[in-house]
Amino acid sequence: MPPALQSSDDESGGESIPFNEPEEDLPATKKATEDEDEDESSEEGEDVYVVEKIMGHEFAKDGTLLLQVKWKGYENPEDQTLEPEDNLVEGAEEVVREYFSLIGGRPEKPSKKRKSVTASTPTRGTAPSKRSKTSRASESNETPEMENNVADWVPKTKNWDSQVKSVDTIMRDPPTGGLFVYLTWNNDKKAKVSIQQAYEKCPQKMLVFYEQHLVFKDA
């Protein structure tokens, strides 16, 4: 006898074919994942700078007040930057207010009126300017070694009022916390001295500096 034929049920009784999701859905899911990764990486890459302290100030030619900012986490003085006051109103208002309180109020750019008042001070304050021509001639004969060491050059005289052209600014040294005065001499050399030394050697110039930067109220 011929062998019995297998039924159609036996033929279809094999393993079922698995169901696969349409492949067209996969690219959209992959793209969404990539977008999330890009968002996370962009958030991690953004640096946040925090104002730790105001070290000093100066005025731009247009009269804008520029504050010298020490950023939190950056101890190198070279990392300090000059920022317009308006840029620090949000986020660093308390630090700015503390600095203004320390120097006696918000500084104002010296006006022509204040300069004329300074020029009309007693003879004691203006007399040294007559001697500046003589001192300038003698300073031009300094040795080459002193010419190269500009930052540390100071006059040999006991009183510097006649030698100081201007008091540029007062800044705090981050490592020590001490205050230092930056001076420009009549020969256009510059120096950095301690504030105690400036008070002792050039008190009149320091007084003029404070008069120019303090805010006076009418009596």
N, C-alpha and C. Protein backbone atom coordinates (compact mmCIF):
# COMPACT_ATOMS: atom_id res chain seq x y z
N MET A 1 0.85 -1.20 0.00
CA MET A 1 0.00 0.00 0.00
C MET A 1 0.88 1.25 0.00
N PRO A 2 0.41 2.26 -0.69
CA PRO A 2 1.19 3.52 -0.65
C PRO A 2 1.07 4.16 0.72
N PRO A 3 2.11 4.94 1.11
CA PRO A 3 2.07 5.58 2.45
C PRO A 3 0.95 6.59 2.53
N ALA A 4 0.46 6.71 3.74
CA ALA A 4 -0.66 7.64 3.95
C ALA A 4 -0.20 9.07 3.76
N LEU A 5 -1.07 9.84 3.14
CA LEU A 5 -0.74 11.27 2.94
C LEU A 5 -0.94 12.06 4.22
N GLN A 6 0.01 13.02 4.45
CA GLN A 6 -0.12 13.88 5.65
C GLN A 6 -1.16 14.95 5.40
N SER A 7 -1.89 15.25 6.45
CA SER A 7 -2.96 16.25 6.32
C SER A 7 -2.37 17.64 6.26
N SER A 8 -3.17 18.55 5.76
CA SER A 8 -2.74 19.96 5.67
C SER A 8 -2.52 20.56 7.03
N ASP A 9 -3.21 20.01 8.06
CA ASP A 9 -3.00 20.53 9.42
C ASP A 9 -1.60 20.28 9.88
N ASP A 10 -1.05 19.10 9.50
CA ASP A 10 0.33 18.80 9.92
C ASP A 10 1.31 19.72 9.24
N GLU A 11 1.02 20.08 7.98
CA GLU A 11 1.94 20.95 7.27
C GLU A 11 1.98 22.33 7.89
N SER A 12 0.88 22.80 8.39
CA SER A 12 0.85 24.14 8.98
C SER A 12 1.14 24.12 10.45
N GLY A 13 1.55 23.02 10.98
CA GLY A 13 1.77 22.95 12.43
C GLY A 13 3.17 23.35 12.83
N GLY A 14 3.95 23.85 11.88
CA GLY A 14 5.31 24.27 12.24
C GLY A 14 5.32 25.52 13.11
N GLU A 15 6.55 26.04 13.29
CA GLU A 15 6.69 27.24 14.17
C GLU A 15 6.03 28.43 13.51
N SER A 16 5.44 29.31 14.34
CA SER A 16 4.76 30.49 13.82
C SER A 16 5.79 31.53 13.40
N ILE A 17 5.46 32.31 12.42
CA ILE A 17 6.36 33.37 11.94
C ILE A 17 6.24 34.57 12.87
N PRO A 18 7.37 35.05 13.41
CA PRO A 18 7.28 36.19 14.36
C PRO A 18 6.83 37.45 13.66
N PHE A 19 6.17 38.33 14.44
CA PHE A 19 5.67 39.58 13.88
C PHE A 19 6.70 40.68 14.10
N ASN A 20 7.09 41.36 13.05
CA ASN A 20 8.05 42.46 13.15
C ASN A 20 7.31 43.78 12.93
N GLU A 21 7.71 44.78 13.74
CA GLU A 21 7.11 46.10 13.59
C GLU A 21 7.58 46.72 12.28
N PRO A 22 6.80 47.53 11.70
CA PRO A 22 7.22 48.18 10.45
C PRO A 22 8.52 48.94 10.66
N GLU A 23 9.44 48.80 9.70
CA GLU A 23 10.74 49.43 9.84
C GLU A 23 10.67 50.94 9.70
N GLU A 24 9.58 51.46 9.13
CA GLU A 24 9.50 52.90 8.92
C GLU A 24 9.39 53.66 10.23
N ASP A 25 9.01 52.96 11.34
CA ASP A 25 8.92 53.64 12.63
C ASP A 25 10.29 53.83 13.27
N LEU A 26 11.29 53.05 12.89
CA LEU A 26 12.59 53.06 13.57
C LEU A 26 13.34 54.37 13.40
N PRO A 27 13.43 54.94 12.21
CA PRO A 27 14.20 56.19 12.08
C PRO A 27 13.69 57.30 12.98
N ALA A 28 12.39 57.43 13.17
CA ALA A 28 11.85 58.49 14.02
C ALA A 28 12.31 58.32 15.45
N THR A 29 12.30 57.07 15.95
CA THR A 29 12.75 56.80 17.32
C THR A 29 14.23 57.13 17.48
N LYS A 30 15.02 56.74 16.47
CA LYS A 30 16.47 57.00 16.53
C LYS A 30 16.73 58.50 16.55
N LYS A 31 15.98 59.25 15.72
CA LYS A 31 16.18 60.69 15.67
C LYS A 31 15.84 61.35 17.00
N ALA A 32 14.77 60.90 17.65
CA ALA A 32 14.37 61.46 18.94
C ALA A 32 15.47 61.24 19.97
N THR A 33 16.07 60.04 19.95
CA THR A 33 17.15 59.74 20.90
C THR A 33 18.36 60.64 20.66
N GLU A 34 18.69 60.86 19.37
CA GLU A 34 19.83 61.72 19.06
C GLU A 34 19.58 63.15 19.52
N ASP A 35 18.32 63.64 19.36
CA ASP A 35 18.00 65.00 19.81
C ASP A 35 18.18 65.13 21.31
N GLU A 36 17.75 64.12 22.07
CA GLU A 36 17.91 64.16 23.52
C GLU A 36 19.38 64.19 23.91
N ASP A 37 20.20 63.39 23.22
CA ASP A 37 21.64 63.38 23.52
C ASP A 37 22.26 64.73 23.25
N GLU A 38 21.84 65.39 22.14
CA GLU A 38 22.40 66.69 21.83
C GLU A 38 22.01 67.72 22.87
N ASP A 39 20.73 67.66 23.36
CA ASP A 39 20.29 68.60 24.39
C ASP A 39 21.10 68.43 25.66
N GLU A 40 21.33 67.16 26.06
CA GLU A 40 22.09 66.91 27.28
C GLU A 40 23.52 67.39 27.15
N SER A 41 24.14 67.13 25.99
CA SER A 41 25.54 67.54 25.82
C SER A 41 25.67 69.05 25.78
N SER A 42 24.67 69.75 25.20
CA SER A 42 24.74 71.21 25.15
C SER A 42 24.58 71.80 26.53
N GLU A 43 23.73 71.18 27.38
CA GLU A 43 23.56 71.67 28.74
C GLU A 43 24.82 71.47 29.55
N GLU A 44 25.48 70.32 29.34
CA GLU A 44 26.70 70.06 30.09
C GLU A 44 27.83 70.96 29.63
N GLY A 45 27.83 71.42 28.38
CA GLY A 45 28.92 72.21 27.85
C GLY A 45 28.85 73.69 28.23
N GLU A 46 27.73 74.16 28.73
CA GLU A 46 27.58 75.55 29.11
C GLU A 46 28.29 75.82 30.43
N ASP A 47 29.25 76.81 30.43
CA ASP A 47 29.96 77.18 31.64
C ASP A 47 29.21 78.30 32.34
N VAL A 48 29.15 78.22 33.65
CA VAL A 48 28.50 79.24 34.45
C VAL A 48 29.57 80.00 35.22
N TYR A 49 29.66 81.32 35.00
CA TYR A 49 30.66 82.15 35.65
C TYR A 49 29.99 82.93 36.78
N VAL A 50 30.60 82.88 37.96
CA VAL A 50 30.04 83.52 39.14
C VAL A 50 31.00 84.61 39.61
N VAL A 51 30.47 85.81 39.85
CA VAL A 51 31.29 86.92 40.34
C VAL A 51 31.57 86.69 41.83
N GLU A 52 32.85 86.58 42.16
CA GLU A 52 33.23 86.38 43.56
C GLU A 52 33.51 87.70 44.28
N LYS A 53 34.18 88.63 43.60
CA LYS A 53 34.57 89.87 44.26
C LYS A 53 34.89 90.93 43.20
N ILE A 54 34.66 92.21 43.57
CA ILE A 54 35.07 93.33 42.73
C ILE A 54 36.40 93.84 43.27
N MET A 55 37.44 93.85 42.42
CA MET A 55 38.79 94.17 42.85
C MET A 55 39.14 95.65 42.65
N GLY A 56 38.46 96.34 41.77
CA GLY A 56 38.78 97.73 41.49
C GLY A 56 37.86 98.25 40.39
N HIS A 57 38.17 99.44 39.90
CA HIS A 57 37.32 100.01 38.86
C HIS A 57 38.10 101.06 38.07
N GLU A 58 37.56 101.42 36.94
CA GLU A 58 38.08 102.52 36.14
C GLU A 58 36.96 102.98 35.21
N PHE A 59 37.22 104.09 34.52
CA PHE A 59 36.20 104.64 33.63
C PHE A 59 36.65 104.53 32.18
N ALA A 60 35.72 104.16 31.31
CA ALA A 60 36.00 104.15 29.88
C ALA A 60 35.98 105.59 29.35
N LYS A 61 36.44 105.78 28.12
CA LYS A 61 36.50 107.13 27.56
C LYS A 61 35.11 107.76 27.45
N ASP A 62 34.09 106.93 27.27
CA ASP A 62 32.73 107.47 27.17
C ASP A 62 32.07 107.67 28.52
N GLY A 63 32.82 107.45 29.60
CA GLY A 63 32.29 107.66 30.94
C GLY A 63 31.67 106.44 31.57
N THR A 64 31.66 105.30 30.88
CA THR A 64 31.09 104.07 31.43
C THR A 64 31.95 103.55 32.58
N LEU A 65 31.30 103.20 33.69
CA LEU A 65 32.01 102.65 34.84
C LEU A 65 32.32 101.18 34.58
N LEU A 66 33.60 100.83 34.62
CA LEU A 66 34.04 99.45 34.42
C LEU A 66 34.53 98.89 35.74
N LEU A 67 34.02 97.74 36.12
CA LEU A 67 34.39 97.09 37.38
C LEU A 67 35.31 95.91 37.09
N GLN A 68 36.40 95.83 37.86
CA GLN A 68 37.34 94.72 37.68
C GLN A 68 36.84 93.52 38.49
N VAL A 69 36.51 92.44 37.78
CA VAL A 69 35.82 91.29 38.38
C VAL A 69 36.78 90.13 38.59
N LYS A 70 36.73 89.57 39.80
CA LYS A 70 37.40 88.29 40.07
C LYS A 70 36.33 87.22 40.01
N TRP A 71 36.51 86.25 39.14
CA TRP A 71 35.52 85.19 38.95
C TRP A 71 35.79 84.05 39.92
N LYS A 72 34.73 83.48 40.45
CA LYS A 72 34.85 82.38 41.40
C LYS A 72 35.48 81.16 40.73
N GLY A 73 36.52 80.64 41.39
CA GLY A 73 37.21 79.47 40.87
C GLY A 73 38.40 79.83 39.99
N TYR A 74 38.62 81.12 39.73
CA TYR A 74 39.75 81.56 38.90
C TYR A 74 40.65 82.45 39.76
N GLU A 75 41.75 81.87 40.26
CA GLU A 75 42.62 82.56 41.20
C GLU A 75 43.73 83.36 40.51
N ASN A 76 43.98 83.11 39.24
CA ASN A 76 45.03 83.83 38.52
C ASN A 76 44.57 85.26 38.23
N PRO A 77 45.33 86.28 38.69
CA PRO A 77 44.92 87.67 38.44
C PRO A 77 44.72 87.98 36.96
N GLU A 78 45.39 87.22 36.08
CA GLU A 78 45.23 87.47 34.65
C GLU A 78 43.83 87.09 34.15
N ASP A 79 43.10 86.30 34.94
CA ASP A 79 41.74 85.90 34.55
C ASP A 79 40.71 86.96 34.91
N GLN A 80 41.12 88.00 35.66
CA GLN A 80 40.18 89.05 36.02
C GLN A 80 39.87 89.90 34.79
N THR A 81 38.63 90.37 34.69
CA THR A 81 38.20 91.13 33.52
C THR A 81 37.48 92.40 33.95
N LEU A 82 37.48 93.39 33.06
CA LEU A 82 36.74 94.63 33.28
C LEU A 82 35.36 94.49 32.64
N GLU A 83 34.33 94.66 33.46
CA GLU A 83 32.96 94.49 32.98
C GLU A 83 32.17 95.77 33.24
N PRO A 84 31.33 96.21 32.30
CA PRO A 84 30.45 97.36 32.55
C PRO A 84 29.53 97.08 33.73
N GLU A 85 29.24 98.12 34.48
CA GLU A 85 28.39 97.96 35.67
C GLU A 85 27.04 97.35 35.30
N ASP A 86 26.47 97.74 34.16
CA ASP A 86 25.16 97.24 33.76
C ASP A 86 25.15 95.73 33.57
N ASN A 87 26.30 95.15 33.21
CA ASN A 87 26.36 93.70 32.99
C ASN A 87 26.30 92.91 34.29
N LEU A 88 26.51 93.60 35.43
CA LEU A 88 26.57 92.91 36.71
C LEU A 88 25.34 93.17 37.57
N VAL A 89 24.37 93.91 37.02
CA VAL A 89 23.18 94.25 37.81
C VAL A 89 22.41 92.99 38.19
N GLU A 90 22.29 92.07 37.26
CA GLU A 90 21.58 90.83 37.53
C GLU A 90 22.57 89.73 37.92
N GLY A 91 22.40 89.19 39.11
CA GLY A 91 23.23 88.07 39.54
C GLY A 91 24.39 88.47 40.43
N ALA A 92 24.82 89.73 40.38
CA ALA A 92 25.97 90.14 41.20
C ALA A 92 25.72 91.49 41.86
N GLU A 93 24.46 91.84 42.01
CA GLU A 93 24.12 93.15 42.57
C GLU A 93 24.65 93.30 43.99
N GLU A 94 24.57 92.23 44.78
CA GLU A 94 25.03 92.30 46.17
C GLU A 94 26.54 92.51 46.24
N VAL A 95 27.28 91.84 45.36
CA VAL A 95 28.74 91.99 45.34
C VAL A 95 29.13 93.41 44.95
N VAL A 96 28.43 93.98 43.96
CA VAL A 96 28.70 95.35 43.53
C VAL A 96 28.38 96.33 44.65
N ARG A 97 27.26 96.12 45.33
CA ARG A 97 26.87 97.00 46.43
C ARG A 97 27.90 96.96 47.56
N GLU A 98 28.43 95.77 47.82
CA GLU A 98 29.44 95.62 48.87
C GLU A 98 30.72 96.39 48.50
N TYR A 99 31.10 96.36 47.23
CA TYR A 99 32.30 97.09 46.80
C TYR A 99 32.08 98.60 46.92
N PHE A 100 30.92 99.09 46.50
CA PHE A 100 30.63 100.51 46.61
C PHE A 100 30.66 100.96 48.08
N SER A 101 30.14 100.12 48.96
CA SER A 101 30.16 100.44 50.39
C SER A 101 31.59 100.51 50.91
N LEU A 102 32.45 99.63 50.40
CA LEU A 102 33.85 99.58 50.85
C LEU A 102 34.61 100.85 50.47
N ILE A 103 34.33 101.41 49.28
CA ILE A 103 35.07 102.59 48.83
C ILE A 103 34.32 103.90 49.13
N GLY A 104 33.22 103.81 49.86
CA GLY A 104 32.52 105.02 50.28
C GLY A 104 31.42 105.49 49.35
N GLY A 105 30.96 104.64 48.46
CA GLY A 105 29.88 105.01 47.56
C GLY A 105 30.23 104.72 46.11
N ARG A 106 29.22 104.85 45.25
CA ARG A 106 29.46 104.59 43.83
C ARG A 106 30.38 105.66 43.26
N PRO A 107 31.48 105.26 42.62
CA PRO A 107 32.40 106.26 42.07
C PRO A 107 31.80 106.99 40.89
N GLU A 108 32.21 108.24 40.74
CA GLU A 108 31.77 109.04 39.61
C GLU A 108 32.98 109.52 38.84
N LYS A 109 32.83 109.62 37.52
CA LYS A 109 33.94 110.08 36.69
C LYS A 109 34.28 111.52 37.06
N PRO A 110 35.57 111.83 37.31
CA PRO A 110 35.95 113.19 37.70
C PRO A 110 35.49 114.21 36.65
N SER A 111 34.85 115.26 37.12
CA SER A 111 34.37 116.30 36.22
C SER A 111 35.42 117.41 36.11
N LYS A 112 35.22 118.29 35.14
CA LYS A 112 36.14 119.41 34.98
C LYS A 112 36.12 120.31 36.20
N LYS A 113 34.97 120.39 36.86
CA LYS A 113 34.85 121.23 38.03
C LYS A 113 35.73 120.72 39.15
N ARG A 114 35.74 119.40 39.36
CA ARG A 114 36.58 118.83 40.41
C ARG A 114 38.05 119.02 40.10
N LYS A 115 38.43 118.93 38.81
CA LYS A 115 39.82 119.12 38.45
C LYS A 115 40.27 120.53 38.78
N SER A 116 39.40 121.51 38.54
CA SER A 116 39.77 122.88 38.83
C SER A 116 39.91 123.10 40.32
N VAL A 117 39.06 122.43 41.12
CA VAL A 117 39.17 122.54 42.57
C VAL A 117 40.49 121.96 43.04
N THR A 118 40.86 120.82 42.46
CA THR A 118 42.12 120.19 42.84
C THR A 118 43.29 121.09 42.49
N ALA A 119 43.22 121.76 41.35
CA ALA A 119 44.32 122.62 40.93
C ALA A 119 44.46 123.84 41.80
N SER A 120 43.36 124.24 42.50
CA SER A 120 43.39 125.44 43.32
C SER A 120 43.71 125.15 44.77
N THR A 121 44.25 123.96 45.07
CA THR A 121 44.64 123.62 46.43
C THR A 121 45.78 124.51 46.87
N PRO A 122 46.08 124.59 48.17
CA PRO A 122 47.13 125.48 48.68
C PRO A 122 48.46 125.25 47.98
N THR A 123 49.33 126.26 48.14
CA THR A 123 50.64 126.23 47.47
C THR A 123 51.43 125.00 47.81
N ARG A 124 51.22 124.47 49.02
CA ARG A 124 51.96 123.29 49.45
C ARG A 124 51.74 122.12 48.51
N GLY A 125 50.51 121.98 47.98
CA GLY A 125 50.21 120.86 47.09
C GLY A 125 50.67 121.09 45.66
N THR A 126 50.75 122.39 45.22
CA THR A 126 51.10 122.66 43.82
C THR A 126 52.57 122.96 43.62
N ALA A 127 53.27 123.34 44.66
CA ALA A 127 54.68 123.71 44.53
C ALA A 127 55.54 122.61 43.94
N PRO A 128 55.35 121.35 44.33
CA PRO A 128 56.22 120.29 43.79
C PRO A 128 56.19 120.21 42.28
N SER A 129 55.09 120.65 41.62
CA SER A 129 55.02 120.55 40.17
C SER A 129 56.07 121.42 39.50
N LYS A 130 56.52 122.50 40.16
CA LYS A 130 57.56 123.35 39.59
C LYS A 130 58.90 122.64 39.58
N ARG A 131 59.07 121.70 40.52
CA ARG A 131 60.34 120.99 40.61
C ARG A 131 60.35 119.76 39.72
N SER A 132 59.21 119.45 39.09
CA SER A 132 59.13 118.22 38.31
C SER A 132 60.05 118.24 37.10
N LYS A 133 60.32 119.44 36.51
CA LYS A 133 61.20 119.50 35.36
C LYS A 133 62.61 119.07 35.73
N THR A 134 63.06 119.52 36.90
CA THR A 134 64.40 119.15 37.35
C THR A 134 64.49 117.67 37.64
N SER A 135 63.48 117.14 38.34
CA SER A 135 63.51 115.73 38.70
C SER A 135 63.39 114.86 37.45
N ARG A 136 62.63 115.31 36.46
CA ARG A 136 62.47 114.52 35.24
C ARG A 136 63.78 114.45 34.48
N ALA A 137 64.55 115.53 34.49
CA ALA A 137 65.84 115.52 33.80
C ALA A 137 66.81 114.57 34.47
N SER A 138 66.78 114.53 35.80
CA SER A 138 67.69 113.64 36.51
C SER A 138 67.28 112.19 36.33
N GLU A 139 65.95 111.91 36.21
CA GLU A 139 65.50 110.54 36.05
C GLU A 139 65.87 109.97 34.69
N SER A 140 66.04 110.84 33.68
CA SER A 140 66.40 110.36 32.35
C SER A 140 67.81 109.81 32.30
N ASN A 141 68.61 110.12 33.35
CA ASN A 141 69.98 109.63 33.40
C ASN A 141 70.11 108.35 34.20
N GLU A 142 69.00 107.67 34.50
CA GLU A 142 69.05 106.43 35.26
C GLU A 142 69.77 105.35 34.47
N THR A 143 70.29 104.36 35.16
CA THR A 143 71.03 103.28 34.51
C THR A 143 70.09 102.42 33.69
N PRO A 144 70.59 101.70 32.67
CA PRO A 144 69.73 100.82 31.86
C PRO A 144 69.03 99.76 32.69
N GLU A 145 69.65 99.34 33.78
CA GLU A 145 69.03 98.31 34.61
C GLU A 145 67.71 98.80 35.19
N MET A 146 67.69 100.06 35.62
CA MET A 146 66.45 100.61 36.19
C MET A 146 65.42 100.85 35.09
N GLU A 147 65.88 101.17 33.87
CA GLU A 147 64.94 101.35 32.76
C GLU A 147 64.22 100.05 32.46
N ASN A 148 64.92 98.92 32.56
CA ASN A 148 64.31 97.63 32.26
C ASN A 148 63.39 97.17 33.37
N ASN A 149 63.65 97.62 34.59
CA ASN A 149 62.86 97.18 35.75
C ASN A 149 61.80 98.22 36.05
N VAL A 150 60.95 98.51 35.07
CA VAL A 150 59.98 99.60 35.18
C VAL A 150 59.00 99.38 36.31
N ALA A 151 58.50 98.15 36.46
CA ALA A 151 57.42 97.87 37.40
C ALA A 151 57.82 98.15 38.84
N ASP A 152 59.12 98.02 39.17
CA ASP A 152 59.56 98.17 40.55
C ASP A 152 60.23 99.51 40.81
N TRP A 153 60.25 100.41 39.83
CA TRP A 153 60.95 101.67 40.00
C TRP A 153 60.17 102.61 40.92
N VAL A 154 60.88 103.18 41.92
CA VAL A 154 60.31 104.20 42.79
C VAL A 154 61.37 105.26 43.03
N PRO A 155 60.96 106.50 43.28
CA PRO A 155 61.95 107.56 43.55
C PRO A 155 62.71 107.28 44.85
N LYS A 156 63.88 107.87 44.94
CA LYS A 156 64.69 107.71 46.15
C LYS A 156 64.34 108.75 47.22
N THR A 157 63.50 109.71 46.87
CA THR A 157 63.12 110.75 47.83
C THR A 157 62.15 110.20 48.87
N LYS A 158 62.10 110.87 50.03
CA LYS A 158 61.21 110.43 51.10
C LYS A 158 59.75 110.71 50.77
N ASN A 159 59.51 111.82 50.07
CA ASN A 159 58.14 112.19 49.72
C ASN A 159 57.95 112.05 48.22
N TRP A 160 56.86 111.39 47.82
CA TRP A 160 56.62 111.11 46.40
C TRP A 160 55.58 112.03 45.77
N ASP A 161 54.98 112.91 46.53
CA ASP A 161 53.89 113.71 45.98
C ASP A 161 54.31 114.46 44.71
N SER A 162 55.55 114.94 44.69
CA SER A 162 56.02 115.69 43.53
C SER A 162 56.40 114.78 42.37
N GLN A 163 56.55 113.48 42.64
CA GLN A 163 56.98 112.54 41.61
C GLN A 163 55.80 111.79 40.97
N VAL A 164 54.67 111.73 41.67
CA VAL A 164 53.52 110.96 41.19
C VAL A 164 52.71 111.78 40.20
N LYS A 165 52.54 111.24 39.01
CA LYS A 165 51.70 111.88 38.00
C LYS A 165 50.23 111.61 38.26
N SER A 166 49.91 110.37 38.64
CA SER A 166 48.52 110.02 38.94
C SER A 166 48.46 108.73 39.73
N VAL A 167 47.41 108.61 40.54
CA VAL A 167 47.08 107.34 41.20
C VAL A 167 46.04 106.67 40.31
N ASP A 168 46.42 105.57 39.69
CA ASP A 168 45.55 104.94 38.68
C ASP A 168 44.39 104.18 39.31
N THR A 169 44.68 103.34 40.28
CA THR A 169 43.62 102.54 40.91
C THR A 169 44.15 101.88 42.17
N ILE A 170 43.25 101.32 42.95
CA ILE A 170 43.59 100.55 44.15
C ILE A 170 42.97 99.17 43.99
N MET A 171 43.79 98.13 44.15
CA MET A 171 43.30 96.76 43.95
C MET A 171 43.74 95.87 45.11
N ARG A 172 42.93 94.83 45.36
CA ARG A 172 43.25 93.87 46.40
C ARG A 172 43.98 92.68 45.78
N ASP A 173 45.07 92.24 46.43
CA ASP A 173 45.84 91.09 45.96
C ASP A 173 45.17 89.82 46.46
N PRO A 174 44.63 88.97 45.57
CA PRO A 174 43.89 87.78 46.00
C PRO A 174 44.66 86.85 46.94
N PRO A 175 45.94 86.56 46.67
CA PRO A 175 46.65 85.61 47.55
C PRO A 175 46.80 86.12 48.98
N THR A 176 47.09 87.44 49.14
CA THR A 176 47.36 87.98 50.47
C THR A 176 46.18 88.74 51.06
N GLY A 177 45.29 89.24 50.21
CA GLY A 177 44.18 90.05 50.70
C GLY A 177 44.57 91.49 50.95
N GLY A 178 45.84 91.86 50.72
CA GLY A 178 46.30 93.22 50.96
C GLY A 178 45.94 94.15 49.81
N LEU A 179 45.84 95.45 50.10
CA LEU A 179 45.52 96.45 49.10
C LEU A 179 46.80 97.03 48.50
N PHE A 180 46.81 97.20 47.18
CA PHE A 180 47.96 97.76 46.49
C PHE A 180 47.52 98.94 45.63
N VAL A 181 48.39 99.93 45.54
CA VAL A 181 48.12 101.14 44.78
C VAL A 181 48.97 101.13 43.51
N TYR A 182 48.34 101.43 42.38
CA TYR A 182 49.04 101.48 41.10
C TYR A 182 49.28 102.95 40.75
N LEU A 183 50.56 103.32 40.61
CA LEU A 183 50.96 104.70 40.39
C LEU A 183 51.57 104.88 39.01
N THR A 184 51.41 106.07 38.45
CA THR A 184 52.13 106.48 37.25
C THR A 184 52.99 107.68 37.63
N TRP A 185 54.28 107.60 37.34
CA TRP A 185 55.22 108.66 37.72
C TRP A 185 55.27 109.73 36.63
N ASN A 186 55.93 110.83 36.94
CA ASN A 186 56.07 111.91 35.97
C ASN A 186 56.82 111.49 34.71
N ASN A 187 57.67 110.48 34.84
CA ASN A 187 58.42 109.98 33.67
C ASN A 187 57.66 108.87 32.94
N ASP A 188 56.36 108.72 33.29
CA ASP A 188 55.46 107.73 32.66
C ASP A 188 55.78 106.29 33.01
N LYS A 189 56.68 106.07 33.96
CA LYS A 189 56.87 104.72 34.47
C LYS A 189 55.74 104.40 35.43
N LYS A 190 55.53 103.12 35.66
CA LYS A 190 54.45 102.69 36.55
C LYS A 190 55.01 101.83 37.67
N ALA A 191 54.29 101.80 38.79
CA ALA A 191 54.72 101.00 39.93
C ALA A 191 53.52 100.52 40.72
N LYS A 192 53.70 99.42 41.41
CA LYS A 192 52.69 98.85 42.30
C LYS A 192 53.28 98.84 43.70
N VAL A 193 52.66 99.60 44.62
CA VAL A 193 53.16 99.70 46.00
C VAL A 193 52.03 99.39 46.96
N SER A 194 52.39 99.03 48.18
CA SER A 194 51.37 98.75 49.19
C SER A 194 50.64 100.03 49.55
N ILE A 195 49.41 99.89 50.00
CA ILE A 195 48.62 101.09 50.32
C ILE A 195 49.21 101.83 51.51
N GLN A 196 49.85 101.10 52.45
CA GLN A 196 50.50 101.76 53.58
C GLN A 196 51.65 102.64 53.10
N GLN A 197 52.42 102.13 52.13
CA GLN A 197 53.53 102.90 51.59
C GLN A 197 53.03 104.13 50.85
N ALA A 198 51.91 103.99 50.14
CA ALA A 198 51.35 105.12 49.42
C ALA A 198 50.86 106.20 50.38
N TYR A 199 50.21 105.79 51.48
CA TYR A 199 49.76 106.76 52.48
C TYR A 199 50.94 107.53 53.07
N GLU A 200 52.05 106.84 53.26
CA GLU A 200 53.21 107.44 53.90
C GLU A 200 54.00 108.32 52.94
N LYS A 201 54.14 107.87 51.67
CA LYS A 201 55.02 108.55 50.73
C LYS A 201 54.32 109.62 49.88
N CYS A 202 53.05 109.41 49.57
CA CYS A 202 52.36 110.40 48.72
C CYS A 202 50.94 110.64 49.24
N PRO A 203 50.80 111.17 50.45
CA PRO A 203 49.47 111.35 51.05
C PRO A 203 48.58 112.33 50.26
N GLN A 204 49.19 113.39 49.69
CA GLN A 204 48.38 114.37 48.95
C GLN A 204 47.76 113.76 47.70
N LYS A 205 48.54 112.93 46.99
CA LYS A 205 48.01 112.28 45.80
C LYS A 205 46.91 111.28 46.14
N MET A 206 47.05 110.60 47.27
CA MET A 206 46.01 109.67 47.71
C MET A 206 44.73 110.43 48.07
N LEU A 207 44.90 111.60 48.68
CA LEU A 207 43.74 112.41 49.04
C LEU A 207 42.99 112.87 47.79
N VAL A 208 43.75 113.29 46.78
CA VAL A 208 43.13 113.71 45.52
C VAL A 208 42.38 112.55 44.87
N PHE A 209 42.98 111.34 44.94
CA PHE A 209 42.33 110.16 44.35
C PHE A 209 40.98 109.90 45.02
N TYR A 210 40.95 109.96 46.35
CA TYR A 210 39.69 109.71 47.06
C TYR A 210 38.67 110.80 46.77
N GLU A 211 39.12 112.05 46.67
CA GLU A 211 38.19 113.15 46.37
C GLU A 211 37.53 112.95 45.01
N GLN A 212 38.29 112.39 44.06
CA GLN A 212 37.75 112.18 42.72
C GLN A 212 36.78 111.02 42.65
N HIS A 213 36.88 110.08 43.58
CA HIS A 213 36.07 108.87 43.49
C HIS A 213 34.96 108.79 44.54
N LEU A 214 34.98 109.68 45.53
CA LEU A 214 33.91 109.67 46.52
C LEU A 214 32.71 110.47 46.00
N VAL A 215 31.54 110.12 46.48
CA VAL A 215 30.32 110.84 46.13
C VAL A 215 29.98 111.78 47.27
N PHE A 216 30.00 113.09 47.00
CA PHE A 216 29.76 114.08 48.04
C PHE A 216 28.29 114.49 48.04
N LYS A 217 27.76 114.69 49.23
CA LYS A 217 26.38 115.13 49.39
C LYS A 217 26.36 116.60 49.83
N ASP A 218 25.35 117.32 49.34
CA ASP A 218 25.22 118.73 49.73
C ASP A 218 24.85 118.83 51.20
N ALA A 219 25.42 119.81 51.88
CA ALA A 219 25.15 119.99 53.31
C ALA A 219 23.74 120.53 53.50
